[in-house]
Amino acid sequence: MLDKFKGLKHTQEVIEKMCSIVKANPKKIDFKKTEWFNKYSWTEHEQEEFTKWLSKYLYMNGEARRELMANPIKNNRITDGVARSFVMNYGWKLK
């Protein structure tokens, strides 16, 4: 149920990547529910790998930065911080 993110191409890409790590089908998750991110879990290693992926994705993609960041600055420290914040707020719970 990615309808919540309709028109947000990069947000959908990030959610789909998160789901692929835990083998979840993003079309079957109700993202309108408050705590949708508590439905699945991942290891610390998986979480760290996703965080690195997201940081690099944001750094390399200006359009993604503009969609996902308040201040879309191309800076490794900033994109890393945004990736870590995203995981803290929306990442799967840890196993």
PDB file of N, CA and C in Angstrom:
ATOM      1  N   MET A   1       0.836  -1.185   0.000  1.00  0.00           N
ATOM      2  CA  MET A   1       0.000   0.000   0.000  1.00  0.00           C
ATOM      3  C   MET A   1       0.877   1.243   0.000  1.00  0.00           C
ATOM      4  N   LEU A   2       1.590   1.397  -1.072  1.00  0.00           N
ATOM      5  CA  LEU A   2       2.487   2.545  -1.188  1.00  0.00           C
ATOM      6  C   LEU A   2       1.747   3.814  -1.603  1.00  0.00           C
ATOM      7  N   ASP A   3       0.415   3.786  -1.561  1.00  0.00           N
ATOM      8  CA  ASP A   3      -0.385   4.956  -1.945  1.00  0.00           C
ATOM      9  C   ASP A   3      -0.004   6.197  -1.155  1.00  0.00           C
ATOM     10  N   LYS A   4       0.380   6.008   0.106  1.00  0.00           N
ATOM     11  CA  LYS A   4       0.751   7.135   0.967  1.00  0.00           C
ATOM     12  C   LYS A   4       1.914   7.914   0.362  1.00  0.00           C
ATOM     13  N   PHE A   5       2.753   7.229  -0.414  1.00  0.00           N
ATOM     14  CA  PHE A   5       3.947   7.851  -0.979  1.00  0.00           C
ATOM     15  C   PHE A   5       3.810   8.133  -2.471  1.00  0.00           C
ATOM     16  N   LYS A   6       2.578   8.138  -2.970  1.00  0.00           N
ATOM     17  CA  LYS A   6       2.334   8.373  -4.391  1.00  0.00           C
ATOM     18  C   LYS A   6       2.941   9.711  -4.813  1.00  0.00           C
ATOM     19  N   GLY A   7       3.695   9.680  -5.887  1.00  0.00           N
ATOM     20  CA  GLY A   7       4.340  10.888  -6.378  1.00  0.00           C
ATOM     21  C   GLY A   7       5.670  11.173  -5.706  1.00  0.00           C
ATOM     22  N   LEU A   8       6.044  10.362  -4.736  1.00  0.00           N
ATOM     23  CA  LEU A   8       7.318  10.528  -4.033  1.00  0.00           C
ATOM     24  C   LEU A   8       8.236   9.367  -4.435  1.00  0.00           C
ATOM     25  N   LYS A   9       8.775   9.480  -5.633  1.00  0.00           N
ATOM     26  CA  LYS A   9       9.561   8.412  -6.249  1.00  0.00           C
ATOM     27  C   LYS A   9      10.696   7.907  -5.354  1.00  0.00           C
ATOM     28  N   HIS A  10      11.413   8.807  -4.766  1.00  0.00           N
ATOM     29  CA  HIS A  10      12.585   8.412  -3.977  1.00  0.00           C
ATOM     30  C   HIS A  10      12.192   7.861  -2.607  1.00  0.00           C
ATOM     31  N   THR A  11      11.123   8.371  -2.050  1.00  0.00           N
ATOM     32  CA  THR A  11      10.620   7.819  -0.795  1.00  0.00           C
ATOM     33  C   THR A  11      10.192   6.375  -1.028  1.00  0.00           C
ATOM     34  N   GLN A  12       9.515   6.125  -2.134  1.00  0.00           N
ATOM     35  CA  GLN A  12       9.111   4.763  -2.476  1.00  0.00           C
ATOM     36  C   GLN A  12      10.329   3.866  -2.646  1.00  0.00           C
ATOM     37  N   GLU A  13      11.348   4.366  -3.306  1.00  0.00           N
ATOM     38  CA  GLU A  13      12.581   3.590  -3.512  1.00  0.00           C
ATOM     39  C   GLU A  13      13.211   3.209  -2.175  1.00  0.00           C
ATOM     40  N   VAL A  14      13.258   4.152  -1.250  1.00  0.00           N
ATOM     41  CA  VAL A  14      13.840   3.905   0.073  1.00  0.00           C
ATOM     42  C   VAL A  14      13.009   2.862   0.833  1.00  0.00           C
ATOM     43  N   ILE A  15      11.698   3.002   0.804  1.00  0.00           N
ATOM     44  CA  ILE A  15      10.812   2.050   1.483  1.00  0.00           C
ATOM     45  C   ILE A  15      10.955   0.662   0.864  1.00  0.00           C
ATOM     46  N   GLU A  16      11.014   0.591  -0.455  1.00  0.00           N
ATOM     47  CA  GLU A  16      11.163  -0.699  -1.125  1.00  0.00           C
ATOM     48  C   GLU A  16      12.499  -1.356  -0.759  1.00  0.00           C
ATOM     49  N   LYS A  17      13.553  -0.567  -0.646  1.00  0.00           N
ATOM     50  CA  LYS A  17      14.856  -1.109  -0.238  1.00  0.00           C
ATOM     51  C   LYS A  17      14.771  -1.643   1.192  1.00  0.00           C
ATOM     52  N   MET A  18      14.163  -0.879   2.079  1.00  0.00           N
ATOM     53  CA  MET A  18      13.987  -1.323   3.463  1.00  0.00           C
ATOM     54  C   MET A  18      13.241  -2.649   3.508  1.00  0.00           C
ATOM     55  N   CYS A  19      12.166  -2.739   2.750  1.00  0.00           N
ATOM     56  CA  CYS A  19      11.348  -3.950   2.730  1.00  0.00           C
ATOM     57  C   CYS A  19      12.112  -5.133   2.157  1.00  0.00           C
ATOM     58  N   SER A  20      12.906  -4.895   1.129  1.00  0.00           N
ATOM     59  CA  SER A  20      13.644  -6.001   0.509  1.00  0.00           C
ATOM     60  C   SER A  20      14.622  -6.636   1.490  1.00  0.00           C
ATOM     61  N   ILE A  21      15.171  -5.854   2.385  1.00  0.00           N
ATOM     62  CA  ILE A  21      16.130  -6.370   3.367  1.00  0.00           C
ATOM     63  C   ILE A  21      15.473  -7.389   4.296  1.00  0.00           C
ATOM     64  N   VAL A  22      14.224  -7.145   4.673  1.00  0.00           N
ATOM     65  CA  VAL A  22      13.530  -8.062   5.590  1.00  0.00           C
ATOM     66  C   VAL A  22      12.533  -8.968   4.852  1.00  0.00           C
ATOM     67  N   LYS A  23      12.623  -8.942   3.530  1.00  0.00           N
ATOM     68  CA  LYS A  23      11.762  -9.769   2.674  1.00  0.00           C
ATOM     69  C   LYS A  23      10.271  -9.489   2.908  1.00  0.00           C
ATOM     70  N   ALA A  24       9.961  -8.220   3.063  1.00  0.00           N
ATOM     71  CA  ALA A  24       8.573  -7.794   3.235  1.00  0.00           C
ATOM     72  C   ALA A  24       8.043  -7.269   1.905  1.00  0.00           C
ATOM     73  N   ASN A  25       6.774  -7.448   1.682  1.00  0.00           N
ATOM     74  CA  ASN A  25       6.132  -6.934   0.481  1.00  0.00           C
ATOM     75  C   ASN A  25       5.554  -5.553   0.810  1.00  0.00           C
ATOM     76  N   PRO A  26       6.139  -4.482   0.260  1.00  0.00           N
ATOM     77  CA  PRO A  26       5.658  -3.132   0.607  1.00  0.00           C
ATOM     78  C   PRO A  26       4.209  -2.884   0.198  1.00  0.00           C
ATOM     79  N   LYS A  27       3.701  -3.666  -0.744  1.00  0.00           N
ATOM     80  CA  LYS A  27       2.315  -3.495  -1.179  1.00  0.00           C
ATOM     81  C   LYS A  27       1.327  -4.046  -0.163  1.00  0.00           C
ATOM     82  N   LYS A  28       1.831  -4.818   0.807  1.00  0.00           N
ATOM     83  CA  LYS A  28       0.953  -5.411   1.813  1.00  0.00           C
ATOM     84  C   LYS A  28       1.074  -4.739   3.183  1.00  0.00           C
ATOM     85  N   ILE A  29       1.888  -3.709   3.277  1.00  0.00           N
ATOM     86  CA  ILE A  29       2.059  -2.986   4.544  1.00  0.00           C
ATOM     87  C   ILE A  29       1.178  -1.735   4.507  1.00  0.00           C
ATOM     88  N   ASP A  30       0.420  -1.531   5.557  1.00  0.00           N
ATOM     89  CA  ASP A  30      -0.436  -0.343   5.641  1.00  0.00           C
ATOM     90  C   ASP A  30       0.383   0.802   6.236  1.00  0.00           C
ATOM     91  N   PHE A  31       0.973   1.607   5.380  1.00  0.00           N
ATOM     92  CA  PHE A  31       1.833   2.705   5.807  1.00  0.00           C
ATOM     93  C   PHE A  31       1.052   3.849   6.442  1.00  0.00           C
ATOM     94  N   LYS A  32      -0.266   3.781   6.394  1.00  0.00           N
ATOM     95  CA  LYS A  32      -1.080   4.814   7.034  1.00  0.00           C
ATOM     96  C   LYS A  32      -1.219   4.562   8.532  1.00  0.00           C
ATOM     97  N   LYS A  33      -0.913   3.350   8.970  1.00  0.00           N
ATOM     98  CA  LYS A  33      -0.941   3.049  10.404  1.00  0.00           C
ATOM     99  C   LYS A  33       0.249   3.709  11.072  1.00  0.00           C
ATOM    100  N   THR A  34       0.048   4.164  12.281  1.00  0.00           N
ATOM    101  CA  THR A  34       1.056   4.938  12.999  1.00  0.00           C
ATOM    102  C   THR A  34       2.381   4.214  13.152  1.00  0.00           C
ATOM    103  N   GLU A  35       2.359   2.970  13.515  1.00  0.00           N
ATOM    104  CA  GLU A  35       3.613   2.261  13.792  1.00  0.00           C
ATOM    105  C   GLU A  35       3.850   1.119  12.809  1.00  0.00           C
ATOM    106  N   TRP A  36       3.709   1.414  11.520  1.00  0.00           N
ATOM    107  CA  TRP A  36       3.915   0.409  10.481  1.00  0.00           C
ATOM    108  C   TRP A  36       5.319  -0.189  10.539  1.00  0.00           C
ATOM    109  N   PHE A  37       6.270   0.578  11.012  1.00  0.00           N
ATOM    110  CA  PHE A  37       7.671   0.158  11.022  1.00  0.00           C
ATOM    111  C   PHE A  37       7.981  -0.843  12.136  1.00  0.00           C
ATOM    112  N   ASN A  38       7.024  -1.130  13.013  1.00  0.00           N
ATOM    113  CA  ASN A  38       7.224  -2.127  14.072  1.00  0.00           C
ATOM    114  C   ASN A  38       6.790  -3.524  13.652  1.00  0.00           C
ATOM    115  N   LYS A  39       6.332  -3.660  12.423  1.00  0.00           N
ATOM    116  CA  LYS A  39       5.823  -4.947  11.952  1.00  0.00           C
ATOM    117  C   LYS A  39       6.949  -5.943  11.644  1.00  0.00           C
ATOM    118  N   TYR A  40       8.104  -5.464  11.275  1.00  0.00           N
ATOM    119  CA  TYR A  40       9.237  -6.323  10.915  1.00  0.00           C
ATOM    120  C   TYR A  40      10.458  -5.943  11.744  1.00  0.00           C
ATOM    121  N   SER A  41      11.468  -6.797  11.680  1.00  0.00           N
ATOM    122  CA  SER A  41      12.705  -6.492  12.410  1.00  0.00           C
ATOM    123  C   SER A  41      13.911  -6.866  11.555  1.00  0.00           C
ATOM    124  N   TRP A  42      15.027  -6.240  11.885  1.00  0.00           N
ATOM    125  CA  TRP A  42      16.283  -6.537  11.197  1.00  0.00           C
ATOM    126  C   TRP A  42      17.420  -6.547  12.192  1.00  0.00           C
ATOM    127  N   THR A  43      18.550  -7.087  11.764  1.00  0.00           N
ATOM    128  CA  THR A  43      19.717  -7.151  12.638  1.00  0.00           C
ATOM    129  C   THR A  43      20.419  -5.796  12.643  1.00  0.00           C
ATOM    130  N   GLU A  44      21.315  -5.623  13.599  1.00  0.00           N
ATOM    131  CA  GLU A  44      22.103  -4.382  13.624  1.00  0.00           C
ATOM    132  C   GLU A  44      22.915  -4.246  12.349  1.00  0.00           C
ATOM    133  N   HIS A  45      23.437  -5.371  11.865  1.00  0.00           N
ATOM    134  CA  HIS A  45      24.227  -5.344  10.623  1.00  0.00           C
ATOM    135  C   HIS A  45      23.361  -4.895   9.443  1.00  0.00           C
ATOM    136  N   GLU A  46      22.152  -5.452   9.335  1.00  0.00           N
ATOM    137  CA  GLU A  46      21.243  -5.052   8.252  1.00  0.00           C
ATOM    138  C   GLU A  46      20.893  -3.574   8.363  1.00  0.00           C
ATOM    139  N   GLN A  47      20.657  -3.112   9.575  1.00  0.00           N
ATOM    140  CA  GLN A  47      20.333  -1.703   9.793  1.00  0.00           C
ATOM    141  C   GLN A  47      21.500  -0.814   9.363  1.00  0.00           C
ATOM    142  N   GLU A  48      22.710  -1.192   9.740  1.00  0.00           N
ATOM    143  CA  GLU A  48      23.889  -0.400   9.382  1.00  0.00           C
ATOM    144  C   GLU A  48      24.113  -0.392   7.872  1.00  0.00           C
ATOM    145  N   GLU A  49      23.923  -1.538   7.220  1.00  0.00           N
ATOM    146  CA  GLU A  49      24.065  -1.607   5.764  1.00  0.00           C
ATOM    147  C   GLU A  49      23.031  -0.730   5.068  1.00  0.00           C
ATOM    148  N   PHE A  50      21.802  -0.736   5.557  1.00  0.00           N
ATOM    149  CA  PHE A  50      20.762   0.121   4.983  1.00  0.00           C
ATOM    150  C   PHE A  50      21.109   1.592   5.189  1.00  0.00           C
ATOM    151  N   THR A  51      21.582   1.936   6.370  1.00  0.00           N
ATOM    152  CA  THR A  51      21.947   3.321   6.666  1.00  0.00           C
ATOM    153  C   THR A  51      23.045   3.795   5.721  1.00  0.00           C
ATOM    154  N   LYS A  52      24.040   2.953   5.490  1.00  0.00           N
ATOM    155  CA  LYS A  52      25.122   3.300   4.545  1.00  0.00           C
ATOM    156  C   LYS A  52      24.559   3.470   3.144  1.00  0.00           C
ATOM    157  N   TRP A  53      23.678   2.549   2.749  1.00  0.00           N
ATOM    158  CA  TRP A  53      23.071   2.625   1.418  1.00  0.00           C
ATOM    159  C   TRP A  53      22.294   3.935   1.267  1.00  0.00           C
ATOM    160  N   LEU A  54      21.471   4.265   2.268  1.00  0.00           N
ATOM    161  CA  LEU A  54      20.654   5.474   2.190  1.00  0.00           C
ATOM    162  C   LEU A  54      21.522   6.723   2.161  1.00  0.00           C
ATOM    163  N   SER A  55      22.555   6.760   2.970  1.00  0.00           N
ATOM    164  CA  SER A  55      23.449   7.914   2.978  1.00  0.00           C
ATOM    165  C   SER A  55      24.085   8.116   1.596  1.00  0.00           C
ATOM    166  N   LYS A  56      24.557   7.031   1.008  1.00  0.00           N
ATOM    167  CA  LYS A  56      25.173   7.116  -0.328  1.00  0.00           C
ATOM    168  C   LYS A  56      24.130   7.489  -1.380  1.00  0.00           C
ATOM    169  N   TYR A  57      22.926   6.910  -1.267  1.00  0.00           N
ATOM    170  CA  TYR A  57      21.840   7.211  -2.201  1.00  0.00           C
ATOM    171  C   TYR A  57      21.523   8.708  -2.181  1.00  0.00           C
ATOM    172  N   LEU A  58      21.433   9.271  -0.995  1.00  0.00           N
ATOM    173  CA  LEU A  58      21.160  10.711  -0.870  1.00  0.00           C
ATOM    174  C   LEU A  58      22.327  11.541  -1.397  1.00  0.00           C
ATOM    175  N   TYR A  59      23.533  11.144  -1.068  1.00  0.00           N
ATOM    176  CA  TYR A  59      24.713  11.901  -1.503  1.00  0.00           C
ATOM    177  C   TYR A  59      24.801  11.942  -3.031  1.00  0.00           C
ATOM    178  N   MET A  60      24.518  10.816  -3.668  1.00  0.00           N
ATOM    179  CA  MET A  60      24.699  10.702  -5.114  1.00  0.00           C
ATOM    180  C   MET A  60      23.504  11.209  -5.929  1.00  0.00           C
ATOM    181  N   ASN A  61      22.377  11.489  -5.283  1.00  0.00           N
ATOM    182  CA  ASN A  61      21.162  11.794  -6.017  1.00  0.00           C
ATOM    183  C   ASN A  61      20.527  13.099  -5.527  1.00  0.00           C
ATOM    184  N   GLY A  62      20.743  14.152  -6.286  1.00  0.00           N
ATOM    185  CA  GLY A  62      20.218  15.467  -5.918  1.00  0.00           C
ATOM    186  C   GLY A  62      18.700  15.502  -5.825  1.00  0.00           C
ATOM    187  N   GLU A  63      18.034  14.797  -6.723  1.00  0.00           N
ATOM    188  CA  GLU A  63      16.572  14.759  -6.700  1.00  0.00           C
ATOM    189  C   GLU A  63      16.076  14.090  -5.409  1.00  0.00           C
ATOM    190  N   ALA A  64      16.753  13.039  -4.994  1.00  0.00           N
ATOM    191  CA  ALA A  64      16.390  12.359  -3.740  1.00  0.00           C
ATOM    192  C   ALA A  64      16.638  13.277  -2.545  1.00  0.00           C
ATOM    193  N   ARG A  65      17.748  14.007  -2.570  1.00  0.00           N
ATOM    194  CA  ARG A  65      18.018  14.951  -1.479  1.00  0.00           C
ATOM    195  C   ARG A  65      16.921  15.990  -1.383  1.00  0.00           C
ATOM    196  N   ARG A  66      16.493  16.516  -2.527  1.00  0.00           N
ATOM    197  CA  ARG A  66      15.446  17.545  -2.515  1.00  0.00           C
ATOM    198  C   ARG A  66      14.115  16.989  -2.007  1.00  0.00           C
ATOM    199  N   GLU A  67      13.864  15.720  -2.272  1.00  0.00           N
ATOM    200  CA  GLU A  67      12.606  15.117  -1.823  1.00  0.00           C
ATOM    201  C   GLU A  67      12.631  14.738  -0.341  1.00  0.00           C
ATOM    202  N   LEU A  68      13.779  14.275   0.129  1.00  0.00           N
ATOM    203  CA  LEU A  68      13.850  13.684   1.468  1.00  0.00           C
ATOM    204  C   LEU A  68      14.523  14.553   2.532  1.00  0.00           C
ATOM    205  N   MET A  69      15.165  15.621   2.130  1.00  0.00           N
ATOM    206  CA  MET A  69      15.918  16.432   3.098  1.00  0.00           C
ATOM    207  C   MET A  69      15.374  17.856   3.151  1.00  0.00           C
ATOM    208  N   ALA A  70      15.356  18.412   4.342  1.00  0.00           N
ATOM    209  CA  ALA A  70      14.929  19.803   4.511  1.00  0.00           C
ATOM    210  C   ALA A  70      15.946  20.747   3.874  1.00  0.00           C
ATOM    211  N   ASN A  71      17.234  20.445   4.057  1.00  0.00           N
ATOM    212  CA  ASN A  71      18.320  21.228   3.464  1.00  0.00           C
ATOM    213  C   ASN A  71      19.147  20.277   2.607  1.00  0.00           C
ATOM    214  N   PRO A  72      18.815  20.178   1.311  1.00  0.00           N
ATOM    215  CA  PRO A  72      19.425  19.162   0.446  1.00  0.00           C
ATOM    216  C   PRO A  72      20.874  19.458   0.027  1.00  0.00           C
ATOM    217  N   ILE A  73      21.737  19.503   1.011  1.00  0.00           N
ATOM    218  CA  ILE A  73      23.148  19.804   0.767  1.00  0.00           C
ATOM    219  C   ILE A  73      23.902  18.506   0.486  1.00  0.00           C
ATOM    220  N   LYS A  74      24.749  18.516  -0.536  1.00  0.00           N
ATOM    221  CA  LYS A  74      25.561  17.343  -0.882  1.00  0.00           C
ATOM    222  C   LYS A  74      26.807  17.344   0.001  1.00  0.00           C
ATOM    223  N   ASN A  75      26.687  16.653   1.123  1.00  0.00           N
ATOM    224  CA  ASN A  75      27.759  16.583   2.103  1.00  0.00           C
ATOM    225  C   ASN A  75      27.632  15.241   2.822  1.00  0.00           C
ATOM    226  N   ASN A  76      28.710  14.464   2.847  1.00  0.00           N
ATOM    227  CA  ASN A  76      28.661  13.124   3.446  1.00  0.00           C
ATOM    228  C   ASN A  76      28.183  13.139   4.894  1.00  0.00           C
ATOM    229  N   ARG A  77      28.673  14.071   5.678  1.00  0.00           N
ATOM    230  CA  ARG A  77      28.286  14.134   7.092  1.00  0.00           C
ATOM    231  C   ARG A  77      26.792  14.404   7.230  1.00  0.00           C
ATOM    232  N   ILE A  78      26.272  15.279   6.393  1.00  0.00           N
ATOM    233  CA  ILE A  78      24.850  15.630   6.463  1.00  0.00           C
ATOM    234  C   ILE A  78      23.972  14.488   5.965  1.00  0.00           C
ATOM    235  N   THR A  79      24.334  13.882   4.827  1.00  0.00           N
ATOM    236  CA  THR A  79      23.517  12.774   4.318  1.00  0.00           C
ATOM    237  C   THR A  79      23.575  11.580   5.276  1.00  0.00           C
ATOM    238  N   ASP A  80      24.703  11.366   5.932  1.00  0.00           N
ATOM    239  CA  ASP A  80      24.809  10.299   6.919  1.00  0.00           C
ATOM    240  C   ASP A  80      23.878  10.585   8.102  1.00  0.00           C
ATOM    241  N   GLY A  81      23.846  11.826   8.547  1.00  0.00           N
ATOM    242  CA  GLY A  81      22.958  12.203   9.648  1.00  0.00           C
ATOM    243  C   GLY A  81      21.495  12.034   9.293  1.00  0.00           C
ATOM    244  N   VAL A  82      21.129  12.402   8.064  1.00  0.00           N
ATOM    245  CA  VAL A  82      19.741  12.243   7.615  1.00  0.00           C
ATOM    246  C   VAL A  82      19.387  10.759   7.546  1.00  0.00           C
ATOM    247  N   ALA A  83      20.303   9.947   7.034  1.00  0.00           N
ATOM    248  CA  ALA A  83      20.060   8.502   6.952  1.00  0.00           C
ATOM    249  C   ALA A  83      19.872   7.917   8.347  1.00  0.00           C
ATOM    250  N   ARG A  84      20.713   8.320   9.285  1.00  0.00           N
ATOM    251  CA  ARG A  84      20.590   7.805  10.660  1.00  0.00           C
ATOM    252  C   ARG A  84      19.276   8.266  11.304  1.00  0.00           C
ATOM    253  N   SER A  85      18.881   9.495  11.047  1.00  0.00           N
ATOM    254  CA  SER A  85      17.607  10.003  11.577  1.00  0.00           C
ATOM    255  C   SER A  85      16.426   9.236  10.985  1.00  0.00           C
ATOM    256  N   PHE A  86      16.501   8.958   9.682  1.00  0.00           N
ATOM    257  CA  PHE A  86      15.439   8.198   9.029  1.00  0.00           C
ATOM    258  C   PHE A  86      15.296   6.828   9.688  1.00  0.00           C
ATOM    259  N   VAL A  87      16.423   6.170   9.909  1.00  0.00           N
ATOM    260  CA  VAL A  87      16.404   4.839  10.518  1.00  0.00           C
ATOM    261  C   VAL A  87      15.884   4.909  11.956  1.00  0.00           C
ATOM    262  N   MET A  88      16.275   5.919  12.688  1.00  0.00           N
ATOM    263  CA  MET A  88      15.789   6.076  14.070  1.00  0.00           C
ATOM    264  C   MET A  88      14.269   6.265  14.108  1.00  0.00           C
ATOM    265  N   ASN A  89      13.739   6.993  13.123  1.00  0.00           N
ATOM    266  CA  ASN A  89      12.315   7.294  13.117  1.00  0.00           C
ATOM    267  C   ASN A  89      11.461   6.243  12.413  1.00  0.00           C
ATOM    268  N   TYR A  90      11.987   5.627  11.360  1.00  0.00           N
ATOM    269  CA  TYR A  90      11.178   4.731  10.536  1.00  0.00           C
ATOM    270  C   TYR A  90      11.785   3.360  10.300  1.00  0.00           C
ATOM    271  N   GLY A  91      12.969   3.112  10.822  1.00  0.00           N
ATOM    272  CA  GLY A  91      13.606   1.817  10.608  1.00  0.00           C
ATOM    273  C   GLY A  91      12.868   0.702  11.326  1.00  0.00           C
ATOM    274  N   TRP A  92      13.071  -0.512  10.846  1.00  0.00           N
ATOM    275  CA  TRP A  92      12.475  -1.668  11.506  1.00  0.00           C
ATOM    276  C   TRP A  92      13.052  -1.802  12.905  1.00  0.00           C
ATOM    277  N   LYS A  93      12.337  -2.467  13.781  1.00  0.00           N
ATOM    278  CA  LYS A  93      12.866  -2.702  15.125  1.00  0.00           C
ATOM    279  C   LYS A  93      14.030  -3.696  15.024  1.00  0.00           C
ATOM    280  N   LEU A  94      14.917  -3.633  15.980  1.00  0.00           N
ATOM    281  CA  LEU A  94      16.078  -4.526  15.988  1.00  0.00           C
ATOM    282  C   LEU A  94      15.701  -5.885  16.554  1.00  0.00           C
ATOM    283  N   LYS A  95      16.329  -6.930  15.996  1.00  0.00           N
ATOM    284  CA  LYS A  95      16.127  -8.301  16.501  1.00  0.00           C
ATOM    285  C   LYS A  95      16.851  -8.464  17.807  1.00  0.00           C
TER     286      LYS A  95
END
